[in-house]
Amino acid sequence: MTGRVWADRQLGQLDGRRMVAIESADGGQLVATDTIDVATGDLVLVVTDDAAITLAGFAVDALVVARVADTDDDVRRPTT
């Protein structure tokens, strides 16, 4: 997770929910709804599309579902 994101307008379903900036393993950027209160620098697991909608229970493109505690040495960690 690379930082928080604030909206000046959003759907009512997102009221009270945090949005965070995520750097993917391939260097891409996306904004995800954070349901587990992650912090900047955390390595996280994000689901997208239908999986995100199913788990969130409302329309969302990307959803943080886990904070990763440990990985093998060859897993690329995002640069912050």
PDB file of N, CA and C in Angstrom:
ATOM      1  N   MET A   1       0.857  -1.164   0.000  1.00  0.00           N
ATOM      2  CA  MET A   1       0.000   0.000   0.000  1.00  0.00           C
ATOM      3  C   MET A   1       0.900   1.221   0.000  1.00  0.00           C
ATOM      4  N   THR A   2       0.613   2.153  -0.901  1.00  0.00           N
ATOM      5  CA  THR A   2       1.497   3.307  -1.021  1.00  0.00           C
ATOM      6  C   THR A   2       0.936   4.590  -0.418  1.00  0.00           C
ATOM      7  N   GLY A   3      -0.324   4.606  -0.023  1.00  0.00           N
ATOM      8  CA  GLY A   3      -0.893   5.795   0.599  1.00  0.00           C
ATOM      9  C   GLY A   3      -2.408   5.775   0.595  1.00  0.00           C
ATOM     10  N   ARG A   4      -2.990   6.762   1.270  1.00  0.00           N
ATOM     11  CA  ARG A   4      -4.449   6.894   1.324  1.00  0.00           C
ATOM     12  C   ARG A   4      -4.931   7.757   0.187  1.00  0.00           C
ATOM     13  N   VAL A   5      -6.198   7.576  -0.163  1.00  0.00           N
ATOM     14  CA  VAL A   5      -6.847   8.346  -1.217  1.00  0.00           C
ATOM     15  C   VAL A   5      -8.128   8.928  -0.632  1.00  0.00           C
ATOM     16  N   TRP A   6      -8.376  10.215  -0.884  1.00  0.00           N
ATOM     17  CA  TRP A   6      -9.598  10.853  -0.421  1.00  0.00           C
ATOM     18  C   TRP A   6     -10.412  11.308  -1.625  1.00  0.00           C
ATOM     19  N   ALA A   7     -11.716  11.156  -1.534  1.00  0.00           N
ATOM     20  CA  ALA A   7     -12.613  11.611  -2.597  1.00  0.00           C
ATOM     21  C   ALA A   7     -13.425  12.793  -2.088  1.00  0.00           C
ATOM     22  N   ASP A   8     -13.685  13.757  -2.953  1.00  0.00           N
ATOM     23  CA  ASP A   8     -14.566  14.845  -2.523  1.00  0.00           C
ATOM     24  C   ASP A   8     -16.026  14.520  -2.805  1.00  0.00           C
ATOM     25  N   ARG A   9     -16.276  13.500  -3.665  1.00  0.00           N
ATOM     26  CA  ARG A   9     -17.618  12.953  -3.873  1.00  0.00           C
ATOM     27  C   ARG A   9     -17.473  11.462  -4.155  1.00  0.00           C
ATOM     28  N   GLN A  10     -18.428  10.685  -3.634  1.00  0.00           N
ATOM     29  CA  GLN A  10     -18.388   9.240  -3.858  1.00  0.00           C
ATOM     30  C   GLN A  10     -19.772   8.654  -3.676  1.00  0.00           C
ATOM     31  N   LEU A  11     -19.945   7.422  -4.110  1.00  0.00           N
ATOM     32  CA  LEU A  11     -21.207   6.714  -3.907  1.00  0.00           C
ATOM     33  C   LEU A  11     -21.478   6.534  -2.424  1.00  0.00           C
ATOM     34  N   GLY A  12     -22.739   6.551  -2.048  1.00  0.00           N
ATOM     35  CA  GLY A  12     -23.117   6.368  -0.653  1.00  0.00           C
ATOM     36  C   GLY A  12     -22.595   5.067  -0.061  1.00  0.00           C
ATOM     37  N   GLN A  13     -22.481   4.027  -0.895  1.00  0.00           N
ATOM     38  CA  GLN A  13     -21.980   2.743  -0.407  1.00  0.00           C
ATOM     39  C   GLN A  13     -20.533   2.818   0.064  1.00  0.00           C
ATOM     40  N   LEU A  14     -19.813   3.843  -0.367  1.00  0.00           N
ATOM     41  CA  LEU A  14     -18.414   3.995   0.041  1.00  0.00           C
ATOM     42  C   LEU A  14     -18.242   4.902   1.249  1.00  0.00           C
ATOM     43  N   ASP A  15     -19.323   5.532   1.719  1.00  0.00           N
ATOM     44  CA  ASP A  15     -19.229   6.403   2.891  1.00  0.00           C
ATOM     45  C   ASP A  15     -18.649   5.636   4.072  1.00  0.00           C
ATOM     46  N   GLY A  16     -17.656   6.220   4.720  1.00  0.00           N
ATOM     47  CA  GLY A  16     -17.037   5.604   5.886  1.00  0.00           C
ATOM     48  C   GLY A  16     -16.013   4.537   5.551  1.00  0.00           C
ATOM     49  N   ARG A  17     -15.762   4.303   4.281  1.00  0.00           N
ATOM     50  CA  ARG A  17     -14.776   3.286   3.885  1.00  0.00           C
ATOM     51  C   ARG A  17     -13.515   3.977   3.387  1.00  0.00           C
ATOM     52  N   ARG A  18     -12.371   3.418   3.746  1.00  0.00           N
ATOM     53  CA  ARG A  18     -11.094   3.979   3.318  1.00  0.00           C
ATOM     54  C   ARG A  18     -10.758   3.512   1.906  1.00  0.00           C
ATOM     55  N   MET A  19     -10.148   4.398   1.165  1.00  0.00           N
ATOM     56  CA  MET A  19      -9.609   4.039  -0.143  1.00  0.00           C
ATOM     57  C   MET A  19      -8.102   4.221  -0.073  1.00  0.00           C
ATOM     58  N   VAL A  20      -7.375   3.280  -0.671  1.00  0.00           N
ATOM     59  CA  VAL A  20      -5.921   3.306  -0.599  1.00  0.00           C
ATOM     60  C   VAL A  20      -5.314   3.124  -1.983  1.00  0.00           C
ATOM     61  N   ALA A  21      -4.142   3.702  -2.184  1.00  0.00           N
ATOM     62  CA  ALA A  21      -3.384   3.533  -3.419  1.00  0.00           C
ATOM     63  C   ALA A  21      -2.529   2.283  -3.282  1.00  0.00           C
ATOM     64  N   ILE A  22      -2.532   1.481  -4.331  1.00  0.00           N
ATOM     65  CA  ILE A  22      -1.799   0.214  -4.333  1.00  0.00           C
ATOM     66  C   ILE A  22      -0.856   0.196  -5.530  1.00  0.00           C
ATOM     67  N   GLU A  23       0.383  -0.247  -5.317  1.00  0.00           N
ATOM     68  CA  GLU A  23       1.305  -0.502  -6.421  1.00  0.00           C
ATOM     69  C   GLU A  23       1.328  -2.007  -6.627  1.00  0.00           C
ATOM     70  N   SER A  24       0.989  -2.453  -7.823  1.00  0.00           N
ATOM     71  CA  SER A  24       0.954  -3.885  -8.110  1.00  0.00           C
ATOM     72  C   SER A  24       2.366  -4.423  -8.342  1.00  0.00           C
ATOM     73  N   ALA A  25       2.501  -5.728  -8.346  1.00  0.00           N
ATOM     74  CA  ALA A  25       3.802  -6.373  -8.523  1.00  0.00           C
ATOM     75  C   ALA A  25       4.448  -6.010  -9.855  1.00  0.00           C
ATOM     76  N   ASP A  26       3.624  -5.672 -10.862  1.00  0.00           N
ATOM     77  CA  ASP A  26       4.182  -5.304 -12.170  1.00  0.00           C
ATOM     78  C   ASP A  26       4.411  -3.800 -12.302  1.00  0.00           C
ATOM     79  N   GLY A  27       4.255  -3.059 -11.190  1.00  0.00           N
ATOM     80  CA  GLY A  27       4.511  -1.623 -11.191  1.00  0.00           C
ATOM     81  C   GLY A  27       3.309  -0.763 -11.496  1.00  0.00           C
ATOM     82  N   GLY A  28       2.157  -1.378 -11.795  1.00  0.00           N
ATOM     83  CA  GLY A  28       0.941  -0.617 -12.060  1.00  0.00           C
ATOM     84  C   GLY A  28       0.369  -0.010 -10.781  1.00  0.00           C
ATOM     85  N   GLN A  29      -0.528   0.935 -10.933  1.00  0.00           N
ATOM     86  CA  GLN A  29      -1.166   1.605  -9.799  1.00  0.00           C
ATOM     87  C   GLN A  29      -2.672   1.375  -9.859  1.00  0.00           C
ATOM     88  N   LEU A  30      -3.295   1.218  -8.699  1.00  0.00           N
ATOM     89  CA  LEU A  30      -4.745   1.160  -8.632  1.00  0.00           C
ATOM     90  C   LEU A  30      -5.213   1.674  -7.284  1.00  0.00           C
ATOM     91  N   VAL A  31      -6.481   1.993  -7.204  1.00  0.00           N
ATOM     92  CA  VAL A  31      -7.105   2.416  -5.953  1.00  0.00           C
ATOM     93  C   VAL A  31      -8.030   1.293  -5.516  1.00  0.00           C
ATOM     94  N   ALA A  32      -7.923   0.894  -4.243  1.00  0.00           N
ATOM     95  CA  ALA A  32      -8.733  -0.195  -3.712  1.00  0.00           C
ATOM     96  C   ALA A  32      -9.457   0.259  -2.459  1.00  0.00           C
ATOM     97  N   THR A  33     -10.599  -0.355  -2.204  1.00  0.00           N
ATOM     98  CA  THR A  33     -11.308  -0.134  -0.949  1.00  0.00           C
ATOM     99  C   THR A  33     -10.620  -0.974   0.124  1.00  0.00           C
ATOM    100  N   ASP A  34     -10.313  -0.354   1.251  1.00  0.00           N
ATOM    101  CA  ASP A  34      -9.580  -1.013   2.338  1.00  0.00           C
ATOM    102  C   ASP A  34     -10.563  -1.419   3.431  1.00  0.00           C
ATOM    103  N   THR A  35     -10.719  -2.706   3.644  1.00  0.00           N
ATOM    104  CA  THR A  35     -11.649  -3.193   4.671  1.00  0.00           C
ATOM    105  C   THR A  35     -10.935  -3.691   5.916  1.00  0.00           C
ATOM    106  N   ILE A  36      -9.583  -3.669   5.908  1.00  0.00           N
ATOM    107  CA  ILE A  36      -8.853  -4.243   7.048  1.00  0.00           C
ATOM    108  C   ILE A  36      -7.873  -3.269   7.684  1.00  0.00           C
ATOM    109  N   ASP A  37      -7.910  -1.988   7.313  1.00  0.00           N
ATOM    110  CA  ASP A  37      -7.102  -0.944   7.938  1.00  0.00           C
ATOM    111  C   ASP A  37      -5.606  -1.175   7.772  1.00  0.00           C
ATOM    112  N   VAL A  38      -5.142  -1.256   6.519  1.00  0.00           N
ATOM    113  CA  VAL A  38      -3.725  -1.432   6.244  1.00  0.00           C
ATOM    114  C   VAL A  38      -2.993  -0.103   6.367  1.00  0.00           C
ATOM    115  N   ALA A  39      -1.677  -0.179   6.454  1.00  0.00           N
ATOM    116  CA  ALA A  39      -0.849   1.013   6.613  1.00  0.00           C
ATOM    117  C   ALA A  39       0.083   1.167   5.411  1.00  0.00           C
ATOM    118  N   THR A  40       0.553   2.381   5.197  1.00  0.00           N
ATOM    119  CA  THR A  40       1.503   2.637   4.124  1.00  0.00           C
ATOM    120  C   THR A  40       2.705   1.728   4.282  1.00  0.00           C
ATOM    121  N   GLY A  41       3.108   1.097   3.183  1.00  0.00           N
ATOM    122  CA  GLY A  41       4.241   0.186   3.198  1.00  0.00           C
ATOM    123  C   GLY A  41       3.858  -1.270   3.369  1.00  0.00           C
ATOM    124  N   ASP A  42       2.609  -1.548   3.784  1.00  0.00           N
ATOM    125  CA  ASP A  42       2.165  -2.937   3.940  1.00  0.00           C
ATOM    126  C   ASP A  42       2.096  -3.629   2.592  1.00  0.00           C
ATOM    127  N   LEU A  43       2.489  -4.897   2.570  1.00  0.00           N
ATOM    128  CA  LEU A  43       2.301  -5.746   1.409  1.00  0.00           C
ATOM    129  C   LEU A  43       0.920  -6.361   1.554  1.00  0.00           C
ATOM    130  N   VAL A  44       0.056  -6.176   0.568  1.00  0.00           N
ATOM    131  CA  VAL A  44      -1.345  -6.591   0.703  1.00  0.00           C
ATOM    132  C   VAL A  44      -1.782  -7.478  -0.452  1.00  0.00           C
ATOM    133  N   LEU A  45      -2.847  -8.218  -0.216  1.00  0.00           N
ATOM    134  CA  LEU A  45      -3.506  -9.006  -1.250  1.00  0.00           C
ATOM    135  C   LEU A  45      -4.774  -8.264  -1.647  1.00  0.00           C
ATOM    136  N   VAL A  46      -4.929  -8.045  -2.946  1.00  0.00           N
ATOM    137  CA  VAL A  46      -6.081  -7.315  -3.476  1.00  0.00           C
ATOM    138  C   VAL A  46      -6.814  -8.214  -4.463  1.00  0.00           C
ATOM    139  N   VAL A  47      -8.134  -8.274  -4.343  1.00  0.00           N
ATOM    140  CA  VAL A  47      -8.958  -8.949  -5.341  1.00  0.00           C
ATOM    141  C   VAL A  47      -9.677  -7.885  -6.152  1.00  0.00           C
ATOM    142  N   THR A  48      -9.995  -8.231  -7.405  1.00  0.00           N
ATOM    143  CA  THR A  48     -10.625  -7.263  -8.294  1.00  0.00           C
ATOM    144  C   THR A  48     -11.848  -7.870  -8.972  1.00  0.00           C
ATOM    145  N   ASP A  49     -12.582  -7.000  -9.625  1.00  0.00           N
ATOM    146  CA  ASP A  49     -13.709  -7.383 -10.476  1.00  0.00           C
ATOM    147  C   ASP A  49     -14.774  -8.164  -9.698  1.00  0.00           C
ATOM    148  N   ASP A  50     -15.240  -9.288 -10.239  1.00  0.00           N
ATOM    149  CA  ASP A  50     -16.335 -10.041  -9.619  1.00  0.00           C
ATOM    150  C   ASP A  50     -15.994 -10.516  -8.207  1.00  0.00           C
ATOM    151  N   ALA A  51     -14.743 -10.911  -7.980  1.00  0.00           N
ATOM    152  CA  ALA A  51     -14.348 -11.359  -6.634  1.00  0.00           C
ATOM    153  C   ALA A  51     -14.484 -10.220  -5.625  1.00  0.00           C
ATOM    154  N   ALA A  52     -14.101  -9.010  -6.016  1.00  0.00           N
ATOM    155  CA  ALA A  52     -14.220  -7.858  -5.123  1.00  0.00           C
ATOM    156  C   ALA A  52     -15.683  -7.553  -4.815  1.00  0.00           C
ATOM    157  N   ILE A  53     -16.528  -7.593  -5.831  1.00  0.00           N
ATOM    158  CA  ILE A  53     -17.959  -7.316  -5.637  1.00  0.00           C
ATOM    159  C   ILE A  53     -18.583  -8.367  -4.727  1.00  0.00           C
ATOM    160  N   THR A  54     -18.247  -9.629  -4.953  1.00  0.00           N
ATOM    161  CA  THR A  54     -18.802 -10.719  -4.143  1.00  0.00           C
ATOM    162  C   THR A  54     -18.407 -10.572  -2.676  1.00  0.00           C
ATOM    163  N   LEU A  55     -17.138 -10.285  -2.414  1.00  0.00           N
ATOM    164  CA  LEU A  55     -16.673 -10.174  -1.030  1.00  0.00           C
ATOM    165  C   LEU A  55     -17.163  -8.900  -0.350  1.00  0.00           C
ATOM    166  N   ALA A  56     -17.203  -7.794  -1.096  1.00  0.00           N
ATOM    167  CA  ALA A  56     -17.616  -6.518  -0.497  1.00  0.00           C
ATOM    168  C   ALA A  56     -19.118  -6.438  -0.299  1.00  0.00           C
ATOM    169  N   GLY A  57     -19.865  -7.070  -1.193  1.00  0.00           N
ATOM    170  CA  GLY A  57     -21.313  -6.972  -1.119  1.00  0.00           C
ATOM    171  C   GLY A  57     -21.870  -5.724  -1.780  1.00  0.00           C
ATOM    172  N   PHE A  58     -21.027  -4.976  -2.468  1.00  0.00           N
ATOM    173  CA  PHE A  58     -21.458  -3.798  -3.213  1.00  0.00           C
ATOM    174  C   PHE A  58     -20.492  -3.601  -4.375  1.00  0.00           C
ATOM    175  N   ALA A  59     -20.868  -2.739  -5.310  1.00  0.00           N
ATOM    176  CA  ALA A  59     -20.053  -2.533  -6.512  1.00  0.00           C
ATOM    177  C   ALA A  59     -18.731  -1.855  -6.164  1.00  0.00           C
ATOM    178  N   VAL A  60     -17.643  -2.555  -6.400  1.00  0.00           N
ATOM    179  CA  VAL A  60     -16.300  -2.031  -6.156  1.00  0.00           C
ATOM    180  C   VAL A  60     -15.354  -2.736  -7.137  1.00  0.00           C
ATOM    181  N   ASP A  61     -14.352  -2.023  -7.622  1.00  0.00           N
ATOM    182  CA  ASP A  61     -13.401  -2.590  -8.588  1.00  0.00           C
ATOM    183  C   ASP A  61     -12.296  -3.397  -7.932  1.00  0.00           C
ATOM    184  N   ALA A  62     -11.790  -2.921  -6.785  1.00  0.00           N
ATOM    185  CA  ALA A  62     -10.662  -3.581  -6.124  1.00  0.00           C
ATOM    186  C   ALA A  62     -10.865  -3.512  -4.609  1.00  0.00           C
ATOM    187  N   LEU A  63     -10.506  -4.592  -3.928  1.00  0.00           N
ATOM    188  CA  LEU A  63     -10.743  -4.698  -2.489  1.00  0.00           C
ATOM    189  C   LEU A  63      -9.522  -5.313  -1.818  1.00  0.00           C
ATOM    190  N   VAL A  64      -8.997  -4.639  -0.780  1.00  0.00           N
ATOM    191  CA  VAL A  64      -7.902  -5.204   0.012  1.00  0.00           C
ATOM    192  C   VAL A  64      -8.505  -6.264   0.926  1.00  0.00           C
ATOM    193  N   VAL A  65      -7.990  -7.496   0.838  1.00  0.00           N
ATOM    194  CA  VAL A  65      -8.563  -8.594   1.621  1.00  0.00           C
ATOM    195  C   VAL A  65      -7.586  -9.205   2.624  1.00  0.00           C
ATOM    196  N   ALA A  66      -6.291  -8.858   2.534  1.00  0.00           N
ATOM    197  CA  ALA A  66      -5.322  -9.416   3.484  1.00  0.00           C
ATOM    198  C   ALA A  66      -4.069  -8.562   3.529  1.00  0.00           C
ATOM    199  N   ARG A  67      -3.453  -8.517   4.703  1.00  0.00           N
ATOM    200  CA  ARG A  67      -2.116  -7.940   4.859  1.00  0.00           C
ATOM    201  C   ARG A  67      -1.164  -9.126   4.919  1.00  0.00           C
ATOM    202  N   VAL A  68      -0.171  -9.151   4.052  1.00  0.00           N
ATOM    203  CA  VAL A  68       0.739 -10.285   3.948  1.00  0.00           C
ATOM    204  C   VAL A  68       1.808 -10.165   5.039  1.00  0.00           C
ATOM    205  N   ALA A  69       1.953 -11.214   5.842  1.00  0.00           N
ATOM    206  CA  ALA A  69       2.918 -11.202   6.942  1.00  0.00           C
ATOM    207  C   ALA A  69       4.324 -11.553   6.486  1.00  0.00           C
ATOM    208  N   ASP A  70       4.438 -12.475   5.528  1.00  0.00           N
ATOM    209  CA  ASP A  70       5.757 -12.931   5.100  1.00  0.00           C
ATOM    210  C   ASP A  70       5.656 -13.520   3.697  1.00  0.00           C
ATOM    211  N   THR A  71       6.756 -13.510   2.978  1.00  0.00           N
ATOM    212  CA  THR A  71       6.806 -14.076   1.631  1.00  0.00           C
ATOM    213  C   THR A  71       8.158 -14.739   1.427  1.00  0.00           C
ATOM    214  N   ASP A  72       8.293 -15.489   0.336  1.00  0.00           N
ATOM    215  CA  ASP A  72       9.601 -15.984  -0.075  1.00  0.00           C
ATOM    216  C   ASP A  72      10.447 -14.791  -0.482  1.00  0.00           C
ATOM    217  N   ASP A  73      11.743 -14.954  -0.463  1.00  0.00           N
ATOM    218  CA  ASP A  73      12.659 -13.845  -0.785  1.00  0.00           C
ATOM    219  C   ASP A  73      12.500 -13.301  -2.195  1.00  0.00           C
ATOM    220  N   ASP A  74      11.992 -14.122  -3.132  1.00  0.00           N
ATOM    221  CA  ASP A  74      11.919 -13.678  -4.523  1.00  0.00           C
ATOM    222  C   ASP A  74      10.642 -12.911  -4.870  1.00  0.00           C
ATOM    223  N   VAL A  75       9.765 -12.687  -3.898  1.00  0.00           N
ATOM    224  CA  VAL A  75       8.552 -11.902  -4.158  1.00  0.00           C
ATOM    225  C   VAL A  75       8.926 -10.423  -4.185  1.00  0.00           C
ATOM    226  N   ARG A  76       8.543  -9.748  -5.247  1.00  0.00           N
ATOM    227  CA  ARG A  76       8.858  -8.338  -5.412  1.00  0.00           C
ATOM    228  C   ARG A  76       8.000  -7.488  -4.501  1.00  0.00           C
ATOM    229  N   ARG A  77       8.629  -6.663  -3.694  1.00  0.00           N
ATOM    230  CA  ARG A  77       7.911  -5.724  -2.851  1.00  0.00           C
ATOM    231  C   ARG A  77       7.889  -4.365  -3.544  1.00  0.00           C
ATOM    232  N   PRO A  78       6.732  -3.699  -3.512  1.00  0.00           N
ATOM    233  CA  PRO A  78       6.650  -2.373  -4.152  1.00  0.00           C
ATOM    234  C   PRO A  78       7.623  -1.380  -3.518  1.00  0.00           C
ATOM    235  N   THR A  79       8.082  -0.444  -4.301  1.00  0.00           N
ATOM    236  CA  THR A  79       8.915   0.629  -3.774  1.00  0.00           C
ATOM    237  C   THR A  79       8.010   1.756  -3.335  1.00  0.00           C
ATOM    238  N   THR A  80       8.334   2.374  -2.218  1.00  0.00           N
ATOM    239  CA  THR A  80       7.505   3.487  -1.728  1.00  0.00           C
ATOM    240  C   THR A  80       8.286   4.759  -1.660  1.00  0.00           C
TER     241      THR A  80
END
